[in-house]
Amino acid sequence: MFLVCSGALIVAAQNGADEGAVTKVLALEHAWNQAEQRKDAKAMDALFDNALVYVDYDGSFQTKAEFLARVKSSTSQPQQETTESMTAHMFGGTVIVTGIYVTKGVEKGKPYVRRGRFVDTWTLRNGSWLCVASQATPILPTH
């Protein structure tokens, strides 16, 4: 009986730890949106692993340095970054976040609205959660 109860407590503790990690990563996702909207590359730098793999909505591949340079660029001016929905699942020391985003802004003088799905992969490194991969896919309007 003692072993059964001990096992149940370990599972409950693990579930609580998983929930805490998922909550932390979801908060980091929101911080990413805010930092990108403010063009705060320094804040975003702290969220990404140096080996970040980023695939943008247009299919282009970017490294961490390239993504941060684009964020700082004056040609892109996001005015609103919103996450419509987001879910996260933990697998060992990795959290996978999926969701739907909407970005409104001006790029090269032209207004845009982009809506898409994303998949972000976060891993725990030296006590900090870092995004190691991100991919966005446009959701085309239906007629």
C-alpha atoms as a PDB file:
ATOM      1  CA  MET A   1       0.000   0.000   0.000  1.00  0.00           C
ATOM      2  CA  PHE A   2       2.830   2.375   0.851  1.00  0.00           C
ATOM      3  CA  LEU A   3       4.419   1.857  -2.589  1.00  0.00           C
ATOM      4  CA  VAL A   4       1.135   2.555  -4.373  1.00  0.00           C
ATOM      5  CA  CYS A   5       0.607   5.786  -2.423  1.00  0.00           C
ATOM      6  CA  SER A   6       4.243   6.838  -2.957  1.00  0.00           C
ATOM      7  CA  GLY A   7       3.886   6.231  -6.698  1.00  0.00           C
ATOM      8  CA  ALA A   8       0.711   8.311  -6.826  1.00  0.00           C
ATOM      9  CA  LEU A   9       2.443  11.195  -5.015  1.00  0.00           C
ATOM     10  CA  ILE A  10       5.378  11.096  -7.444  1.00  0.00           C
ATOM     11  CA  VAL A  11       2.993  11.212 -10.442  1.00  0.00           C
ATOM     12  CA  ALA A  12       1.048  14.097  -8.870  1.00  0.00           C
ATOM     13  CA  ALA A  13       4.286  15.994  -8.175  1.00  0.00           C
ATOM     14  CA  GLN A  14       5.440  15.424 -11.761  1.00  0.00           C
ATOM     15  CA  ASN A  15       2.107  16.666 -13.141  1.00  0.00           C
ATOM     16  CA  GLY A  16       2.415  19.779 -10.977  1.00  0.00           C
ATOM     17  CA  ALA A  17       5.964  20.389 -12.237  1.00  0.00           C
ATOM     18  CA  ASP A  18       4.770  19.920 -15.833  1.00  0.00           C
ATOM     19  CA  GLU A  19       1.934  22.395 -15.287  1.00  0.00           C
ATOM     20  CA  GLY A  20       4.389  24.921 -13.846  1.00  0.00           C
ATOM     21  CA  ALA A  21       6.712  24.550 -16.827  1.00  0.00           C
ATOM     22  CA  VAL A  22       3.836  24.879 -19.301  1.00  0.00           C
ATOM     23  CA  THR A  23       2.560  27.996 -17.511  1.00  0.00           C
ATOM     24  CA  LYS A  24       6.064  29.526 -17.593  1.00  0.00           C
ATOM     25  CA  VAL A  25       6.508  28.806 -21.318  1.00  0.00           C
ATOM     26  CA  LEU A  26       3.073  30.241 -22.175  1.00  0.00           C
ATOM     27  CA  ALA A  27       4.052  33.423 -20.301  1.00  0.00           C
ATOM     28  CA  LEU A  28       7.268  33.546 -22.352  1.00  0.00           C
ATOM     29  CA  GLU A  29       5.199  33.266 -25.544  1.00  0.00           C
ATOM     30  CA  HIS A  30       3.216  36.363 -24.490  1.00  0.00           C
ATOM     31  CA  ALA A  31       6.458  38.167 -23.590  1.00  0.00           C
ATOM     32  CA  TRP A  32       7.742  37.348 -27.103  1.00  0.00           C
ATOM     33  CA  ASN A  33       4.682  39.004 -28.689  1.00  0.00           C
ATOM     34  CA  GLN A  34       5.100  42.122 -26.574  1.00  0.00           C
ATOM     35  CA  ALA A  35       8.836  42.362 -27.225  1.00  0.00           C
ATOM     36  CA  GLU A  36       8.365  41.938 -30.977  1.00  0.00           C
ATOM     37  CA  GLN A  37       5.675  44.613 -31.041  1.00  0.00           C
ATOM     38  CA  ARG A  38       8.032  47.000 -29.176  1.00  0.00           C
ATOM     39  CA  LYS A  39      10.979  45.970 -31.419  1.00  0.00           C
ATOM     40  CA  ASP A  40      12.839  44.986 -28.247  1.00  0.00           C
ATOM     41  CA  ALA A  41      15.518  42.714 -29.699  1.00  0.00           C
ATOM     42  CA  LYS A  42      17.363  42.565 -26.357  1.00  0.00           C
ATOM     43  CA  ALA A  43      14.325  41.055 -24.612  1.00  0.00           C
ATOM     44  CA  MET A  44      13.812  38.638 -27.502  1.00  0.00           C
ATOM     45  CA  ASP A  45      17.487  37.642 -27.473  1.00  0.00           C
ATOM     46  CA  ALA A  46      17.003  36.281 -23.951  1.00  0.00           C
ATOM     47  CA  LEU A  47      14.080  34.090 -25.124  1.00  0.00           C
ATOM     48  CA  PHE A  48      15.940  32.302 -27.932  1.00  0.00           C
ATOM     49  CA  ASP A  49      18.657  29.690 -27.953  1.00  0.00           C
ATOM     50  CA  ASN A  50      21.695  30.768 -29.982  1.00  0.00           C
ATOM     51  CA  ALA A  51      21.016  27.888 -32.404  1.00  0.00           C
ATOM     52  CA  LEU A  52      17.401  29.008 -33.020  1.00  0.00           C
ATOM     53  CA  VAL A  53      15.812  27.606 -36.185  1.00  0.00           C
ATOM     54  CA  TYR A  54      13.102  30.017 -37.371  1.00  0.00           C
ATOM     55  CA  VAL A  55      10.861  29.364 -40.389  1.00  0.00           C
ATOM     56  CA  ASP A  56       8.723  32.409 -41.131  1.00  0.00           C
ATOM     57  CA  TYR A  57       5.207  32.596 -42.604  1.00  0.00           C
ATOM     58  CA  ASP A  58       6.667  33.003 -46.121  1.00  0.00           C
ATOM     59  CA  GLY A  59       8.807  29.873 -45.830  1.00  0.00           C
ATOM     60  CA  SER A  60      12.072  31.764 -45.336  1.00  0.00           C
ATOM     61  CA  PHE A  61      14.636  30.323 -42.934  1.00  0.00           C
ATOM     62  CA  GLN A  62      16.277  32.614 -40.404  1.00  0.00           C
ATOM     63  CA  THR A  63      18.921  32.206 -37.753  1.00  0.00           C
ATOM     64  CA  LYS A  64      18.580  33.926 -34.402  1.00  0.00           C
ATOM     65  CA  ALA A  65      20.764  36.822 -35.596  1.00  0.00           C
ATOM     66  CA  GLU A  66      18.760  37.220 -38.811  1.00  0.00           C
ATOM     67  CA  PHE A  67      15.430  37.115 -36.983  1.00  0.00           C
ATOM     68  CA  LEU A  68      16.556  39.716 -34.434  1.00  0.00           C
ATOM     69  CA  ALA A  69      17.908  41.962 -37.217  1.00  0.00           C
ATOM     70  CA  ARG A  70      14.540  41.787 -38.972  1.00  0.00           C
ATOM     71  CA  VAL A  71      12.744  42.697 -35.746  1.00  0.00           C
ATOM     72  CA  LYS A  72      14.972  45.778 -35.343  1.00  0.00           C
ATOM     73  CA  SER A  73      14.555  46.750 -39.012  1.00  0.00           C
ATOM     74  CA  SER A  74      12.690  49.934 -39.831  1.00  0.00           C
ATOM     75  CA  THR A  75      11.038  48.301 -42.869  1.00  0.00           C
ATOM     76  CA  SER A  76       8.770  46.218 -40.637  1.00  0.00           C
ATOM     77  CA  GLN A  77       6.570  47.990 -38.103  1.00  0.00           C
ATOM     78  CA  PRO A  78       4.245  45.623 -36.255  1.00  0.00           C
ATOM     79  CA  GLN A  79       1.475  47.539 -34.535  1.00  0.00           C
ATOM     80  CA  GLN A  80      -0.379  44.653 -32.947  1.00  0.00           C
ATOM     81  CA  GLU A  81       0.632  41.071 -32.164  1.00  0.00           C
ATOM     82  CA  THR A  82      -2.204  38.912 -30.854  1.00  0.00           C
ATOM     83  CA  THR A  83      -2.430  35.243 -30.047  1.00  0.00           C
ATOM     84  CA  GLU A  84      -5.964  33.966 -30.663  1.00  0.00           C
ATOM     85  CA  SER A  85      -5.345  30.559 -29.134  1.00  0.00           C
ATOM     86  CA  MET A  86      -2.437  28.632 -27.702  1.00  0.00           C
ATOM     87  CA  THR A  87      -1.880  25.196 -26.192  1.00  0.00           C
ATOM     88  CA  ALA A  88       1.251  23.619 -24.807  1.00  0.00           C
ATOM     89  CA  HIS A  89       2.311  20.038 -24.164  1.00  0.00           C
ATOM     90  CA  MET A  90       5.354  18.890 -22.229  1.00  0.00           C
ATOM     91  CA  PHE A  91       7.528  16.004 -23.390  1.00  0.00           C
ATOM     92  CA  GLY A  92      10.358  15.422 -20.935  1.00  0.00           C
ATOM     93  CA  GLY A  93      12.415  18.627 -20.869  1.00  0.00           C
ATOM     94  CA  THR A  94      10.690  20.053 -23.949  1.00  0.00           C
ATOM     95  CA  VAL A  95       7.494  22.065 -24.306  1.00  0.00           C
ATOM     96  CA  ILE A  96       5.758  22.277 -27.695  1.00  0.00           C
ATOM     97  CA  VAL A  97       3.433  25.269 -28.108  1.00  0.00           C
ATOM     98  CA  THR A  98       0.903  25.469 -30.930  1.00  0.00           C
ATOM     99  CA  GLY A  99      -1.504  28.266 -31.645  1.00  0.00           C
ATOM    100  CA  ILE A 100      -2.984  30.855 -33.946  1.00  0.00           C
ATOM    101  CA  TYR A 101      -1.630  34.391 -34.221  1.00  0.00           C
ATOM    102  CA  VAL A 102      -2.656  37.639 -35.908  1.00  0.00           C
ATOM    103  CA  THR A 103      -0.153  40.368 -36.723  1.00  0.00           C
ATOM    104  CA  LYS A 104      -1.116  43.815 -37.994  1.00  0.00           C
ATOM    105  CA  GLY A 105       1.377  46.402 -39.090  1.00  0.00           C
ATOM    106  CA  VAL A 106       3.161  48.198 -41.894  1.00  0.00           C
ATOM    107  CA  GLU A 107       5.964  46.722 -43.984  1.00  0.00           C
ATOM    108  CA  LYS A 108       7.821  48.718 -46.622  1.00  0.00           C
ATOM    109  CA  GLY A 109       5.109  51.380 -46.376  1.00  0.00           C
ATOM    110  CA  LYS A 110       2.203  48.981 -46.942  1.00  0.00           C
ATOM    111  CA  PRO A 111      -0.278  47.869 -44.259  1.00  0.00           C
ATOM    112  CA  TYR A 112      -0.669  44.152 -43.653  1.00  0.00           C
ATOM    113  CA  VAL A 113      -2.690  41.701 -41.613  1.00  0.00           C
ATOM    114  CA  ARG A 114      -1.292  38.194 -41.233  1.00  0.00           C
ATOM    115  CA  ARG A 115      -3.058  35.296 -39.569  1.00  0.00           C
ATOM    116  CA  GLY A 116      -1.378  31.956 -39.146  1.00  0.00           C
ATOM    117  CA  ARG A 117      -0.655  28.872 -37.119  1.00  0.00           C
ATOM    118  CA  PHE A 118       2.612  28.443 -35.282  1.00  0.00           C
ATOM    119  CA  VAL A 119       4.613  25.707 -33.609  1.00  0.00           C
ATOM    120  CA  ASP A 120       7.303  26.742 -31.119  1.00  0.00           C
ATOM    121  CA  THR A 121       9.670  24.315 -29.398  1.00  0.00           C
ATOM    122  CA  TRP A 122      11.078  25.277 -26.006  1.00  0.00           C
ATOM    123  CA  THR A 123      13.719  23.450 -23.993  1.00  0.00           C
ATOM    124  CA  LEU A 124      15.089  23.905 -20.496  1.00  0.00           C
ATOM    125  CA  ARG A 125      18.755  24.957 -20.610  1.00  0.00           C
ATOM    126  CA  ASN A 126      20.712  25.878 -17.488  1.00  0.00           C
ATOM    127  CA  GLY A 127      17.496  26.617 -15.596  1.00  0.00           C
ATOM    128  CA  SER A 128      15.951  28.829 -18.311  1.00  0.00           C
ATOM    129  CA  TRP A 129      13.358  28.009 -20.938  1.00  0.00           C
ATOM    130  CA  LEU A 130      14.612  28.907 -24.431  1.00  0.00           C
ATOM    131  CA  CYS A 131      12.906  28.671 -27.792  1.00  0.00           C
ATOM    132  CA  VAL A 132      15.008  26.446 -30.071  1.00  0.00           C
ATOM    133  CA  ALA A 133      12.658  26.249 -33.077  1.00  0.00           C
ATOM    134  CA  SER A 134       9.710  28.210 -34.430  1.00  0.00           C
ATOM    135  CA  GLN A 135       7.615  27.724 -37.532  1.00  0.00           C
ATOM    136  CA  ALA A 136       4.657  29.752 -38.842  1.00  0.00           C
ATOM    137  CA  THR A 137       2.162  28.805 -41.530  1.00  0.00           C
ATOM    138  CA  PRO A 138      -0.297  31.299 -43.014  1.00  0.00           C
ATOM    139  CA  ILE A 139      -4.011  30.641 -42.684  1.00  0.00           C
ATOM    140  CA  LEU A 140      -5.502  31.715 -45.952  1.00  0.00           C
ATOM    141  CA  PRO A 141      -8.875  33.479 -45.896  1.00  0.00           C
ATOM    142  CA  THR A 142     -11.802  31.310 -46.893  1.00  0.00           C
ATOM    143  CA  HIS A 143     -14.311  32.597 -49.421  1.00  0.00           C
END
